[in-house]
Amino acid sequence: MHIAPNPAQDRVTLYPPTPAAAGGQLLVYNASGRLVWKAALPGYVSDYTFLVTGLPAGIYFCKVGATTQKLAVIG
């Protein structure tokens, strides 16, 4: 899985590890491990763009299936 841009300020695009991983859920956790956002991913997509403007600046972890990617949100 890849996330760009990283660090991000307003929106990011997530590239799932495989298109089959889409159709699952995107879970976003803060640095304390608290779930702060989730979204259903459409099936068989090669990328998914979402806004991070509602998240305070900090370090987050985006999880799709068993894959996790660190994301830095800047103010």
N, C-alpha and C. Protein backbone atom coordinates (compact mmCIF):
# COMPACT_ATOMS: atom_id res chain seq x y z
N MET A 1 0.85 -1.17 0.00
CA MET A 1 0.00 0.00 0.00
C MET A 1 0.90 1.23 0.00
N HIS A 2 0.44 2.26 -0.67
CA HIS A 2 1.18 3.51 -0.76
C HIS A 2 0.20 4.66 -0.57
N ILE A 3 0.64 5.72 0.09
CA ILE A 3 -0.17 6.91 0.31
C ILE A 3 0.62 8.11 -0.19
N ALA A 4 -0.03 8.97 -0.97
CA ALA A 4 0.65 10.17 -1.49
C ALA A 4 -0.33 11.32 -1.56
N PRO A 5 0.10 12.53 -1.30
CA PRO A 5 1.41 12.89 -0.77
C PRO A 5 1.49 12.53 0.71
N ASN A 6 2.69 12.38 1.17
CA ASN A 6 2.92 12.06 2.57
C ASN A 6 4.23 12.71 2.99
N PRO A 7 4.19 13.81 3.73
CA PRO A 7 3.07 14.34 4.52
C PRO A 7 2.00 14.99 3.65
N ALA A 8 0.80 15.07 4.22
CA ALA A 8 -0.37 15.61 3.52
C ALA A 8 -0.94 16.80 4.28
N GLN A 9 -1.58 17.68 3.52
CA GLN A 9 -2.19 18.86 4.15
C GLN A 9 -3.70 18.89 3.97
N ASP A 10 -4.20 18.50 2.80
CA ASP A 10 -5.65 18.58 2.61
C ASP A 10 -6.27 17.28 2.11
N ARG A 11 -5.62 16.59 1.22
CA ARG A 11 -6.16 15.32 0.72
C ARG A 11 -5.02 14.37 0.41
N VAL A 12 -5.31 13.09 0.46
CA VAL A 12 -4.33 12.07 0.12
C VAL A 12 -4.97 11.04 -0.79
N THR A 13 -4.14 10.37 -1.53
CA THR A 13 -4.60 9.27 -2.36
C THR A 13 -3.95 7.99 -1.85
N LEU A 14 -4.78 7.02 -1.59
CA LEU A 14 -4.34 5.72 -1.10
C LEU A 14 -4.35 4.75 -2.28
N TYR A 15 -3.26 4.03 -2.44
CA TYR A 15 -3.15 3.00 -3.47
C TYR A 15 -3.11 1.65 -2.75
N PRO A 16 -4.22 0.91 -2.77
CA PRO A 16 -4.28 -0.37 -2.04
C PRO A 16 -3.21 -1.33 -2.53
N PRO A 17 -2.81 -2.30 -1.67
CA PRO A 17 -1.77 -3.25 -2.07
C PRO A 17 -2.17 -4.05 -3.31
N THR A 18 -3.43 -4.36 -3.44
CA THR A 18 -3.96 -5.02 -4.64
C THR A 18 -5.38 -4.51 -4.84
N PRO A 19 -5.87 -4.50 -6.07
CA PRO A 19 -7.27 -4.08 -6.25
C PRO A 19 -8.24 -4.90 -5.44
N ALA A 20 -7.91 -6.17 -5.17
CA ALA A 20 -8.80 -7.01 -4.37
C ALA A 20 -8.86 -6.53 -2.93
N ALA A 21 -7.83 -5.80 -2.46
CA ALA A 21 -7.85 -5.26 -1.10
C ALA A 21 -8.89 -4.17 -0.98
N ALA A 22 -9.17 -3.51 -2.10
CA ALA A 22 -10.27 -2.56 -2.11
C ALA A 22 -11.55 -3.38 -1.95
N GLY A 23 -12.61 -2.75 -1.59
CA GLY A 23 -13.81 -3.49 -1.28
C GLY A 23 -13.85 -3.83 0.19
N GLY A 24 -12.79 -3.48 0.90
CA GLY A 24 -12.72 -3.64 2.34
C GLY A 24 -12.93 -2.31 3.01
N GLN A 25 -12.24 -2.09 4.11
CA GLN A 25 -12.36 -0.83 4.83
C GLN A 25 -11.00 -0.17 4.98
N LEU A 26 -11.02 1.15 4.93
CA LEU A 26 -9.87 1.96 5.28
C LEU A 26 -10.09 2.42 6.71
N LEU A 27 -9.17 2.09 7.59
CA LEU A 27 -9.24 2.50 8.99
C LEU A 27 -8.08 3.43 9.26
N VAL A 28 -8.35 4.57 9.89
CA VAL A 28 -7.31 5.55 10.21
C VAL A 28 -7.25 5.70 11.73
N TYR A 29 -6.06 5.44 12.28
CA TYR A 29 -5.82 5.51 13.72
C TYR A 29 -4.87 6.66 14.01
N ASN A 30 -5.06 7.32 15.16
CA ASN A 30 -4.10 8.34 15.56
C ASN A 30 -2.90 7.66 16.22
N ALA A 31 -1.92 8.46 16.63
CA ALA A 31 -0.69 7.91 17.21
C ALA A 31 -0.94 7.16 18.52
N SER A 32 -2.07 7.45 19.17
CA SER A 32 -2.42 6.75 20.41
C SER A 32 -3.14 5.43 20.15
N GLY A 33 -3.42 5.13 18.88
CA GLY A 33 -4.10 3.89 18.53
C GLY A 33 -5.61 3.99 18.52
N ARG A 34 -6.15 5.20 18.65
CA ARG A 34 -7.60 5.39 18.63
C ARG A 34 -8.08 5.52 17.19
N LEU A 35 -9.14 4.79 16.84
CA LEU A 35 -9.74 4.89 15.51
C LEU A 35 -10.37 6.27 15.36
N VAL A 36 -9.93 7.04 14.37
CA VAL A 36 -10.44 8.40 14.19
C VAL A 36 -11.25 8.56 12.91
N TRP A 37 -11.17 7.58 11.99
CA TRP A 37 -11.92 7.71 10.74
C TRP A 37 -11.93 6.35 10.06
N LYS A 38 -13.04 6.04 9.39
CA LYS A 38 -13.10 4.82 8.59
C LYS A 38 -13.97 5.06 7.37
N ALA A 39 -13.69 4.30 6.34
CA ALA A 39 -14.45 4.43 5.09
C ALA A 39 -14.46 3.08 4.39
N ALA A 40 -15.56 2.80 3.73
CA ALA A 40 -15.64 1.60 2.89
C ALA A 40 -14.95 1.90 1.57
N LEU A 41 -14.08 1.01 1.15
CA LEU A 41 -13.40 1.19 -0.13
C LEU A 41 -14.20 0.50 -1.23
N PRO A 42 -14.40 1.19 -2.34
CA PRO A 42 -15.09 0.54 -3.46
C PRO A 42 -14.30 -0.67 -3.94
N GLY A 43 -14.97 -1.67 -4.42
CA GLY A 43 -14.28 -2.87 -4.89
C GLY A 43 -13.48 -2.63 -6.15
N TYR A 44 -12.33 -3.24 -6.20
CA TYR A 44 -11.47 -3.27 -7.38
C TYR A 44 -11.11 -1.89 -7.93
N VAL A 45 -10.69 -1.01 -7.06
CA VAL A 45 -10.17 0.29 -7.48
C VAL A 45 -8.66 0.28 -7.31
N SER A 46 -7.97 1.08 -8.10
CA SER A 46 -6.51 1.14 -7.99
C SER A 46 -6.07 2.29 -7.09
N ASP A 47 -7.00 3.23 -6.80
CA ASP A 47 -6.68 4.33 -5.89
C ASP A 47 -7.95 4.87 -5.25
N TYR A 48 -7.78 5.53 -4.11
CA TYR A 48 -8.90 6.10 -3.36
C TYR A 48 -8.41 7.40 -2.72
N THR A 49 -9.06 8.52 -3.05
CA THR A 49 -8.66 9.82 -2.52
C THR A 49 -9.63 10.24 -1.41
N PHE A 50 -9.06 10.76 -0.31
CA PHE A 50 -9.90 11.22 0.79
C PHE A 50 -9.29 12.46 1.43
N LEU A 51 -10.15 13.23 2.09
CA LEU A 51 -9.73 14.48 2.73
C LEU A 51 -9.19 14.21 4.13
N VAL A 52 -8.15 14.96 4.49
CA VAL A 52 -7.61 14.88 5.85
C VAL A 52 -7.75 16.23 6.56
N THR A 53 -8.52 17.14 5.97
CA THR A 53 -8.67 18.48 6.55
C THR A 53 -9.33 18.45 7.92
N GLY A 54 -10.09 17.42 8.24
CA GLY A 54 -10.74 17.33 9.54
C GLY A 54 -9.85 16.72 10.63
N LEU A 55 -8.66 16.30 10.25
CA LEU A 55 -7.75 15.69 11.22
C LEU A 55 -6.73 16.72 11.71
N PRO A 56 -6.48 16.78 13.00
CA PRO A 56 -5.42 17.67 13.50
C PRO A 56 -4.06 17.20 12.97
N ALA A 57 -3.11 18.13 12.91
CA ALA A 57 -1.76 17.77 12.49
C ALA A 57 -1.22 16.68 13.41
N GLY A 58 -0.52 15.72 12.83
CA GLY A 58 0.05 14.64 13.62
C GLY A 58 0.34 13.42 12.79
N ILE A 59 0.67 12.34 13.46
CA ILE A 59 0.99 11.06 12.82
C ILE A 59 -0.23 10.15 12.93
N TYR A 60 -0.56 9.50 11.82
CA TYR A 60 -1.70 8.59 11.74
C TYR A 60 -1.24 7.29 11.08
N PHE A 61 -2.03 6.26 11.27
CA PHE A 61 -1.75 4.97 10.66
C PHE A 61 -2.99 4.54 9.88
N CYS A 62 -2.81 4.32 8.59
CA CYS A 62 -3.91 3.91 7.70
C CYS A 62 -3.79 2.41 7.48
N LYS A 63 -4.89 1.72 7.71
CA LYS A 63 -4.89 0.27 7.61
C LYS A 63 -5.94 -0.20 6.63
N VAL A 64 -5.52 -1.06 5.71
CA VAL A 64 -6.42 -1.74 4.77
C VAL A 64 -6.07 -3.22 4.87
N GLY A 65 -7.01 -4.00 5.36
CA GLY A 65 -6.73 -5.43 5.56
C GLY A 65 -5.60 -5.59 6.57
N ALA A 66 -4.57 -6.34 6.19
CA ALA A 66 -3.44 -6.58 7.09
C ALA A 66 -2.30 -5.59 6.86
N THR A 67 -2.47 -4.63 5.94
CA THR A 67 -1.41 -3.69 5.59
C THR A 67 -1.64 -2.34 6.26
N THR A 68 -0.59 -1.79 6.85
CA THR A 68 -0.65 -0.50 7.53
C THR A 68 0.41 0.43 6.97
N GLN A 69 0.05 1.69 6.78
CA GLN A 69 0.98 2.70 6.27
C GLN A 69 0.90 3.94 7.15
N LYS A 70 2.04 4.48 7.53
CA LYS A 70 2.09 5.70 8.34
C LYS A 70 1.77 6.91 7.46
N LEU A 71 1.01 7.84 8.03
CA LEU A 71 0.64 9.08 7.33
C LEU A 71 0.90 10.25 8.27
N ALA A 72 1.59 11.27 7.76
CA ALA A 72 1.80 12.51 8.52
C ALA A 72 0.87 13.57 7.95
N VAL A 73 0.08 14.18 8.84
CA VAL A 73 -0.81 15.28 8.45
C VAL A 73 -0.20 16.56 9.01
N ILE A 74 -0.03 17.55 8.14
CA ILE A 74 0.55 18.83 8.55
C ILE A 74 -0.53 19.90 8.50
N GLY A 75 -0.38 20.93 9.32
CA GLY A 75 -1.38 21.99 9.42
C GLY A 75 -1.26 23.04 8.45
